[in-house]
Amino acid sequence: MRGREAARLFYDQDRFQRHGAAPLRLQQT
């Protein structure tokens, strides 16, 4: 997604979570 509306949606904590989202290779580095 891109844009202001998408960003507002993306940071809605009722709809999105961070746990388990980042690929393991990013967590490891």
PDB file of all heavy atoms in Angstrom:
ATOM      1  N   MET A   1       0.844  -1.196   0.000  1.00  0.00           N
ATOM      2  CA  MET A   1       0.000   0.000   0.000  1.00  0.00           C
ATOM      3  C   MET A   1       0.880   1.247   0.000  1.00  0.00           C
ATOM      4  O   MET A   1       2.040   1.203   0.422  1.00  0.00           O
ATOM      5  CB  MET A   1      -0.890   0.047   1.250  1.00  0.00           C
ATOM      6  CG  MET A   1      -1.732  -1.175   1.512  1.00  0.00           C
ATOM      7  SD  MET A   1      -2.942  -0.870   2.842  1.00  0.00           S
ATOM      8  CE  MET A   1      -1.854  -0.528   4.226  1.00  0.00           C
ATOM      9  N   ARG A   2       0.293   2.361  -0.446  1.00  0.00           N
ATOM     10  CA  ARG A   2       0.973   3.653  -0.359  1.00  0.00           C
ATOM     11  C   ARG A   2      -0.056   4.761  -0.132  1.00  0.00           C
ATOM     12  O   ARG A   2      -1.256   4.578  -0.379  1.00  0.00           O
ATOM     13  CB  ARG A   2       1.760   3.946  -1.636  1.00  0.00           C
ATOM     14  CG  ARG A   2       0.865   4.251  -2.816  1.00  0.00           C
ATOM     15  CD  ARG A   2       1.611   4.873  -3.973  1.00  0.00           C
ATOM     16  NE  ARG A   2       0.686   5.104  -5.084  1.00  0.00           N
ATOM     17  CZ  ARG A   2       1.048   5.501  -6.292  1.00  0.00           C
ATOM     18  NH1 ARG A   2       2.324   5.694  -6.554  1.00  0.00           N
ATOM     19  NH2 ARG A   2       0.136   5.706  -7.233  1.00  0.00           N
ATOM     20  N   GLY A   3       0.436   5.931   0.320  1.00  0.00           N
ATOM     21  CA  GLY A   3      -0.414   7.104   0.451  1.00  0.00           C
ATOM     22  C   GLY A   3      -0.874   7.375   1.872  1.00  0.00           C
ATOM     23  O   GLY A   3      -0.729   6.553   2.772  1.00  0.00           O
ATOM     24  N   ARG A   4      -1.465   8.564   2.070  1.00  0.00           N
ATOM     25  CA  ARG A   4      -1.891   8.995   3.399  1.00  0.00           C
ATOM     26  C   ARG A   4      -2.989   8.102   3.961  1.00  0.00           C
ATOM     27  O   ARG A   4      -2.931   7.681   5.123  1.00  0.00           O
ATOM     28  CB  ARG A   4      -2.383  10.440   3.344  1.00  0.00           C
ATOM     29  CG  ARG A   4      -2.905  10.942   4.687  1.00  0.00           C
ATOM     30  CD  ARG A   4      -3.685  12.226   4.531  1.00  0.00           C
ATOM     31  NE  ARG A   4      -2.817  13.378   4.368  1.00  0.00           N
ATOM     32  CZ  ARG A   4      -3.055  14.384   3.541  1.00  0.00           C
ATOM     33  NH1 ARG A   4      -4.127  14.350   2.756  1.00  0.00           N
ATOM     34  NH2 ARG A   4      -2.249  15.415   3.479  1.00  0.00           N
ATOM     35  N   GLU A   5      -3.994   7.796   3.155  1.00  0.00           N
ATOM     36  CA  GLU A   5      -5.084   6.942   3.655  1.00  0.00           C
ATOM     37  C   GLU A   5      -4.561   5.567   4.032  1.00  0.00           C
ATOM     38  O   GLU A   5      -4.963   4.988   5.046  1.00  0.00           O
ATOM     39  CB  GLU A   5      -6.176   6.825   2.599  1.00  0.00           C
ATOM     40  CG  GLU A   5      -7.079   8.035   2.469  1.00  0.00           C
ATOM     41  CD  GLU A   5      -8.278   7.722   1.576  1.00  0.00           C
ATOM     42  OE1 GLU A   5      -9.169   6.979   2.035  1.00  0.00           O
ATOM     43  OE2 GLU A   5      -8.291   8.208   0.439  1.00  0.00           O
ATOM     44  N   ALA A   6      -3.672   5.037   3.209  1.00  0.00           N
ATOM     45  CA  ALA A   6      -3.096   3.726   3.501  1.00  0.00           C
ATOM     46  C   ALA A   6      -2.284   3.771   4.789  1.00  0.00           C
ATOM     47  O   ALA A   6      -2.330   2.835   5.599  1.00  0.00           O
ATOM     48  CB  ALA A   6      -2.230   3.265   2.333  1.00  0.00           C
ATOM     49  N   ALA A   7      -1.542   4.854   5.001  1.00  0.00           N
ATOM     50  CA  ALA A   7      -0.749   4.985   6.225  1.00  0.00           C
ATOM     51  C   ALA A   7      -1.653   5.054   7.452  1.00  0.00           C
ATOM     52  O   ALA A   7      -1.376   4.434   8.487  1.00  0.00           O
ATOM     53  CB  ALA A   7       0.141   6.222   6.140  1.00  0.00           C
ATOM     54  N   ARG A   8      -2.727   5.810   7.338  1.00  0.00           N
ATOM     55  CA  ARG A   8      -3.665   5.900   8.464  1.00  0.00           C
ATOM     56  C   ARG A   8      -4.241   4.523   8.796  1.00  0.00           C
ATOM     57  O   ARG A   8      -4.392   4.150   9.963  1.00  0.00           O
ATOM     58  CB  ARG A   8      -4.771   6.901   8.141  1.00  0.00           C
ATOM     59  CG  ARG A   8      -5.625   7.291   9.327  1.00  0.00           C
ATOM     60  CD  ARG A   8      -6.638   8.351   8.938  1.00  0.00           C
ATOM     61  NE  ARG A   8      -6.005   9.590   8.546  1.00  0.00           N
ATOM     62  CZ  ARG A   8      -5.579  10.513   9.396  1.00  0.00           C
ATOM     63  NH1 ARG A   8      -5.728  10.324  10.699  1.00  0.00           N
ATOM     64  NH2 ARG A   8      -5.028  11.629   8.959  1.00  0.00           N
ATOM     65  N   LEU A   9      -4.562   3.752   7.759  1.00  0.00           N
ATOM     66  CA  LEU A   9      -5.062   2.396   7.965  1.00  0.00           C
ATOM     67  C   LEU A   9      -3.998   1.506   8.587  1.00  0.00           C
ATOM     68  O   LEU A   9      -4.246   0.764   9.545  1.00  0.00           O
ATOM     69  CB  LEU A   9      -5.529   1.813   6.633  1.00  0.00           C
ATOM     70  CG  LEU A   9      -5.911   0.331   6.641  1.00  0.00           C
ATOM     71  CD1 LEU A   9      -7.228   0.138   7.401  1.00  0.00           C
ATOM     72  CD2 LEU A   9      -6.023  -0.207   5.221  1.00  0.00           C
ATOM     73  N   PHE A  10      -2.792   1.581   8.047  1.00  0.00           N
ATOM     74  CA  PHE A  10      -1.687   0.706   8.456  1.00  0.00           C
ATOM     75  C   PHE A  10      -1.364   0.851   9.938  1.00  0.00           C
ATOM     76  O   PHE A  10      -0.990  -0.118  10.607  1.00  0.00           O
ATOM     77  CB  PHE A  10      -0.462   1.047   7.603  1.00  0.00           C
ATOM     78  CG  PHE A  10       0.737   0.187   7.832  1.00  0.00           C
ATOM     79  CD1 PHE A  10       0.887  -1.027   7.174  1.00  0.00           C
ATOM     80  CD2 PHE A  10       1.754   0.605   8.684  1.00  0.00           C
ATOM     81  CE1 PHE A  10       2.005  -1.815   7.376  1.00  0.00           C
ATOM     82  CE2 PHE A  10       2.884  -0.176   8.892  1.00  0.00           C
ATOM     83  CZ  PHE A  10       3.004  -1.387   8.229  1.00  0.00           C
ATOM     84  N   TYR A  11      -1.512   2.073  10.468  1.00  0.00           N
ATOM     85  CA  TYR A  11      -1.183   2.306  11.877  1.00  0.00           C
ATOM     86  C   TYR A  11      -2.396   2.207  12.795  1.00  0.00           C
ATOM     87  O   TYR A  11      -2.330   2.629  13.956  1.00  0.00           O
ATOM     88  CB  TYR A  11      -0.475   3.658  12.020  1.00  0.00           C
ATOM     89  CG  TYR A  11       0.930   3.595  11.449  1.00  0.00           C
ATOM     90  CD1 TYR A  11       1.218   4.132  10.203  1.00  0.00           C
ATOM     91  CD2 TYR A  11       1.944   2.935  12.132  1.00  0.00           C
ATOM     92  CE1 TYR A  11       2.485   4.041   9.663  1.00  0.00           C
ATOM     93  CE2 TYR A  11       3.218   2.839  11.601  1.00  0.00           C
ATOM     94  CZ  TYR A  11       3.482   3.392  10.363  1.00  0.00           C
ATOM     95  OH  TYR A  11       4.745   3.284   9.831  1.00  0.00           O
ATOM     96  N   ASP A  12      -3.487   1.626  12.305  1.00  0.00           N
ATOM     97  CA  ASP A  12      -4.642   1.302  13.132  1.00  0.00           C
ATOM     98  C   ASP A  12      -4.337   0.003  13.869  1.00  0.00           C
ATOM     99  O   ASP A  12      -4.319  -1.084  13.276  1.00  0.00           O
ATOM    100  CB  ASP A  12      -5.886   1.156  12.248  1.00  0.00           C
ATOM    101  CG  ASP A  12      -7.153   0.871  13.043  1.00  0.00           C
ATOM    102  OD1 ASP A  12      -7.053   0.452  14.218  1.00  0.00           O
ATOM    103  OD2 ASP A  12      -8.241   1.044  12.478  1.00  0.00           O
ATOM    104  N   GLN A  13      -4.084   0.096  15.168  1.00  0.00           N
ATOM    105  CA  GLN A  13      -3.641  -1.081  15.928  1.00  0.00           C
ATOM    106  C   GLN A  13      -4.745  -2.103  16.122  1.00  0.00           C
ATOM    107  O   GLN A  13      -4.466  -3.245  16.514  1.00  0.00           O
ATOM    108  CB  GLN A  13      -3.079  -0.637  17.279  1.00  0.00           C
ATOM    109  CG  GLN A  13      -1.835   0.228  17.133  1.00  0.00           C
ATOM    110  CD  GLN A  13      -1.215   0.557  18.471  1.00  0.00           C
ATOM    111  OE1 GLN A  13      -0.678  -0.295  19.166  1.00  0.00           O
ATOM    112  NE2 GLN A  13      -1.300   1.830  18.855  1.00  0.00           N
ATOM    113  N   ASP A  14      -5.997  -1.737  15.871  1.00  0.00           N
ATOM    114  CA  ASP A  14      -7.072  -2.719  15.932  1.00  0.00           C
ATOM    115  C   ASP A  14      -7.074  -3.624  14.700  1.00  0.00           C
ATOM    116  O   ASP A  14      -7.624  -4.727  14.737  1.00  0.00           O
ATOM    117  CB  ASP A  14      -8.431  -2.022  16.036  1.00  0.00           C
ATOM    118  CG  ASP A  14      -8.624  -1.359  17.387  1.00  0.00           C
ATOM    119  OD1 ASP A  14      -8.009  -1.829  18.374  1.00  0.00           O
ATOM    120  OD2 ASP A  14      -9.373  -0.365  17.460  1.00  0.00           O
ATOM    121  N   ARG A  15      -6.450  -3.145  13.616  1.00  0.00           N
ATOM    122  CA  ARG A  15      -6.479  -3.907  12.364  1.00  0.00           C
ATOM    123  C   ARG A  15      -5.138  -4.547  12.011  1.00  0.00           C
ATOM    124  O   ARG A  15      -5.114  -5.543  11.285  1.00  0.00           O
ATOM    125  CB  ARG A  15      -6.926  -2.992  11.220  1.00  0.00           C
ATOM    126  CG  ARG A  15      -8.379  -2.545  11.360  1.00  0.00           C
ATOM    127  CD  ARG A  15      -8.797  -1.673  10.210  1.00  0.00           C
ATOM    128  NE  ARG A  15     -10.235  -1.400  10.228  1.00  0.00           N
ATOM    129  CZ  ARG A  15     -10.861  -0.689   9.314  1.00  0.00           C
ATOM    130  NH1 ARG A  15     -10.194  -0.162   8.297  1.00  0.00           N
ATOM    131  NH2 ARG A  15     -12.167  -0.485   9.392  1.00  0.00           N
ATOM    132  N   PHE A  16      -4.046  -3.970  12.508  1.00  0.00           N
ATOM    133  CA  PHE A  16      -2.726  -4.504  12.167  1.00  0.00           C
ATOM    134  C   PHE A  16      -1.902  -4.740  13.421  1.00  0.00           C
ATOM    135  O   PHE A  16      -2.044  -4.030  14.416  1.00  0.00           O
ATOM    136  CB  PHE A  16      -1.973  -3.534  11.240  1.00  0.00           C
ATOM    137  CG  PHE A  16      -2.490  -3.514   9.832  1.00  0.00           C
ATOM    138  CD1 PHE A  16      -3.429  -2.572   9.450  1.00  0.00           C
ATOM    139  CD2 PHE A  16      -2.046  -4.433   8.893  1.00  0.00           C
ATOM    140  CE1 PHE A  16      -3.922  -2.542   8.154  1.00  0.00           C
ATOM    141  CE2 PHE A  16      -2.526  -4.413   7.600  1.00  0.00           C
ATOM    142  CZ  PHE A  16      -3.464  -3.469   7.224  1.00  0.00           C
ATOM    143  N   GLN A  17      -1.041  -5.722  13.348  1.00  0.00           N
ATOM    144  CA  GLN A  17      -0.120  -5.995  14.431  1.00  0.00           C
ATOM    145  C   GLN A  17       1.289  -6.157  13.866  1.00  0.00           C
ATOM    146  O   GLN A  17       1.468  -6.440  12.683  1.00  0.00           O
ATOM    147  CB  GLN A  17      -0.516  -7.265  15.193  1.00  0.00           C
ATOM    148  CG  GLN A  17      -0.413  -8.542  14.376  1.00  0.00           C
ATOM    149  CD  GLN A  17      -0.920  -9.743  15.153  1.00  0.00           C
ATOM    150  OE1 GLN A  17      -1.987  -9.702  15.760  1.00  0.00           O
ATOM    151  NE2 GLN A  17      -0.144 -10.818  15.141  1.00  0.00           N
ATOM    152  N   ARG A  18       2.289  -5.979  14.744  1.00  0.00           N
ATOM    153  CA  ARG A  18       3.690  -6.098  14.319  1.00  0.00           C
ATOM    154  C   ARG A  18       4.272  -7.470  14.626  1.00  0.00           C
ATOM    155  O   ARG A  18       5.192  -7.908  13.959  1.00  0.00           O
ATOM    156  CB  ARG A  18       4.541  -5.022  15.006  1.00  0.00           C
ATOM    157  CG  ARG A  18       4.622  -3.708  14.235  1.00  0.00           C
ATOM    158  CD  ARG A  18       3.285  -3.144  13.980  1.00  0.00           C
ATOM    159  NE  ARG A  18       3.291  -1.995  13.073  1.00  0.00           N
ATOM    160  CZ  ARG A  18       2.189  -1.436  12.600  1.00  0.00           C
ATOM    161  NH1 ARG A  18       1.014  -1.920  12.935  1.00  0.00           N
ATOM    162  NH2 ARG A  18       2.250  -0.420  11.784  1.00  0.00           N
ATOM    163  N   HIS A  19       3.750  -8.124  15.638  1.00  0.00           N
ATOM    164  CA  HIS A  19       4.299  -9.421  16.026  1.00  0.00           C
ATOM    165  C   HIS A  19       4.185 -10.411  14.873  1.00  0.00           C
ATOM    166  O   HIS A  19       3.116 -10.611  14.310  1.00  0.00           O
ATOM    167  CB  HIS A  19       3.565  -9.965  17.253  1.00  0.00           C
ATOM    168  CG  HIS A  19       4.088 -11.286  17.718  1.00  0.00           C
ATOM    169  ND1 HIS A  19       5.326 -11.426  18.297  1.00  0.00           N
ATOM    170  CD2 HIS A  19       3.537 -12.532  17.672  1.00  0.00           C
ATOM    171  CE1 HIS A  19       5.527 -12.702  18.585  1.00  0.00           C
ATOM    172  NE2 HIS A  19       4.461 -13.386  18.218  1.00  0.00           N
ATOM    173  N   GLY A  20       5.291 -11.014  14.517  1.00  0.00           N
ATOM    174  CA  GLY A  20       5.300 -12.015  13.468  1.00  0.00           C
ATOM    175  C   GLY A  20       5.291 -11.448  12.066  1.00  0.00           C
ATOM    176  O   GLY A  20       5.194 -12.214  11.099  1.00  0.00           O
ATOM    177  N   ALA A  21       5.412 -10.119  11.929  1.00  0.00           N
ATOM    178  CA  ALA A  21       5.323  -9.520  10.593  1.00  0.00           C
ATOM    179  C   ALA A  21       6.674  -9.450   9.888  1.00  0.00           C
ATOM    180  O   ALA A  21       6.787  -9.786   8.713  1.00  0.00           O
ATOM    181  CB  ALA A  21       4.726  -8.108  10.694  1.00  0.00           C
ATOM    182  N   ALA A  22       7.704  -9.000  10.597  1.00  0.00           N
ATOM    183  CA  ALA A  22       9.002  -8.806   9.960  1.00  0.00           C
ATOM    184  C   ALA A  22       9.626 -10.156   9.603  1.00  0.00           C
ATOM    185  O   ALA A  22       9.621 -11.094  10.416  1.00  0.00           O
ATOM    186  CB  ALA A  22       9.939  -8.042  10.884  1.00  0.00           C
ATOM    187  N   PRO A  23      10.173 -10.301   8.404  1.00  0.00           N
ATOM    188  CA  PRO A  23      10.865 -11.542   8.042  1.00  0.00           C
ATOM    189  C   PRO A  23      11.992 -11.835   9.020  1.00  0.00           C
ATOM    190  O   PRO A  23      12.617 -10.917   9.569  1.00  0.00           O
ATOM    191  CB  PRO A  23      11.407 -11.242   6.640  1.00  0.00           C
ATOM    192  CG  PRO A  23      10.556 -10.143   6.111  1.00  0.00           C
ATOM    193  CD  PRO A  23      10.178  -9.316   7.304  1.00  0.00           C
ATOM    194  N   LEU A  24      12.256 -13.110   9.229  1.00  0.00           N
ATOM    195  CA  LEU A  24      13.274 -13.519  10.188  1.00  0.00           C
ATOM    196  C   LEU A  24      14.626 -12.894   9.854  1.00  0.00           C
ATOM    197  O   LEU A  24      15.383 -12.512  10.755  1.00  0.00           O
ATOM    198  CB  LEU A  24      13.382 -15.044  10.208  1.00  0.00           C
ATOM    199  CG  LEU A  24      14.333 -15.648  11.248  1.00  0.00           C
ATOM    200  CD1 LEU A  24      13.904 -15.243  12.655  1.00  0.00           C
ATOM    201  CD2 LEU A  24      14.378 -17.162  11.110  1.00  0.00           C
ATOM    202  N   ARG A  25      14.943 -12.762   8.571  1.00  0.00           N
ATOM    203  CA  ARG A  25      16.247 -12.217   8.192  1.00  0.00           C
ATOM    204  C   ARG A  25      16.400 -10.766   8.659  1.00  0.00           C
ATOM    205  O   ARG A  25      17.511 -10.333   8.980  1.00  0.00           O
ATOM    206  CB  ARG A  25      16.455 -12.316   6.679  1.00  0.00           C
ATOM    207  CG  ARG A  25      15.455 -11.547   5.847  1.00  0.00           C
ATOM    208  CD  ARG A  25      15.602 -11.830   4.361  1.00  0.00           C
ATOM    209  NE  ARG A  25      16.861 -11.406   3.819  1.00  0.00           N
ATOM    210  CZ  ARG A  25      17.833 -12.222   3.415  1.00  0.00           C
ATOM    211  NH1 ARG A  25      17.667 -13.524   3.520  1.00  0.00           N
ATOM    212  NH2 ARG A  25      18.942 -11.753   2.918  1.00  0.00           N
ATOM    213  N   LEU A  26      15.295  -9.997   8.724  1.00  0.00           N
ATOM    214  CA  LEU A  26      15.382  -8.634   9.245  1.00  0.00           C
ATOM    215  C   LEU A  26      15.547  -8.636  10.762  1.00  0.00           C
ATOM    216  O   LEU A  26      16.262  -7.802  11.314  1.00  0.00           O
ATOM    217  CB  LEU A  26      14.141  -7.839   8.858  1.00  0.00           C
ATOM    218  CG  LEU A  26      14.030  -7.370   7.410  1.00  0.00           C
ATOM    219  CD1 LEU A  26      12.753  -6.568   7.211  1.00  0.00           C
ATOM    220  CD2 LEU A  26      15.245  -6.536   7.002  1.00  0.00           C
ATOM    221  N   GLN A  27      14.858  -9.543  11.449  1.00  0.00           N
ATOM    222  CA  GLN A  27      15.001  -9.632  12.894  1.00  0.00           C
ATOM    223  C   GLN A  27      16.424 -10.032  13.279  1.00  0.00           C
ATOM    224  O   GLN A  27      16.956  -9.584  14.291  1.00  0.00           O
ATOM    225  CB  GLN A  27      14.012 -10.645  13.463  1.00  0.00           C
ATOM    226  CG  GLN A  27      12.548 -10.275  13.261  1.00  0.00           C
ATOM    227  CD  GLN A  27      11.623 -11.334  13.829  1.00  0.00           C
ATOM    228  OE1 GLN A  27      11.784 -11.762  14.966  1.00  0.00           O
ATOM    229  NE2 GLN A  27      10.663 -11.764  13.040  1.00  0.00           N
ATOM    230  N   GLN A  28      17.036 -10.872  12.460  1.00  0.00           N
ATOM    231  CA  GLN A  28      18.372 -11.382  12.760  1.00  0.00           C
ATOM    232  C   GLN A  28      19.476 -10.390  12.438  1.00  0.00           C
ATOM    233  O   GLN A  28      20.626 -10.598  12.820  1.00  0.00           O
ATOM    234  CB  GLN A  28      18.613 -12.679  11.997  1.00  0.00           C
ATOM    235  CG  GLN A  28      17.731 -13.830  12.455  1.00  0.00           C
ATOM    236  CD  GLN A  28      17.783 -15.006  11.504  1.00  0.00           C
ATOM    237  OE1 GLN A  28      17.999 -14.848  10.304  1.00  0.00           O
ATOM    238  NE2 GLN A  28      17.616 -16.199  12.038  1.00  0.00           N
ATOM    239  N   THR A  29      19.148  -9.318  11.740  1.00  0.00           N
ATOM    240  CA  THR A  29      20.171  -8.356  11.330  1.00  0.00           C
ATOM    241  C   THR A  29      19.839  -6.939  11.782  1.00  0.00           C
ATOM    242  O   THR A  29      20.556  -6.339  12.557  1.00  0.00           O
ATOM    243  CB  THR A  29      20.346  -8.372   9.801  1.00  0.00           C
ATOM    244  OG1 THR A  29      19.076  -8.152   9.172  1.00  0.00           O
ATOM    245  CG2 THR A  29      20.900  -9.712   9.329  1.00  0.00           C
TER     246      THR A  29
END
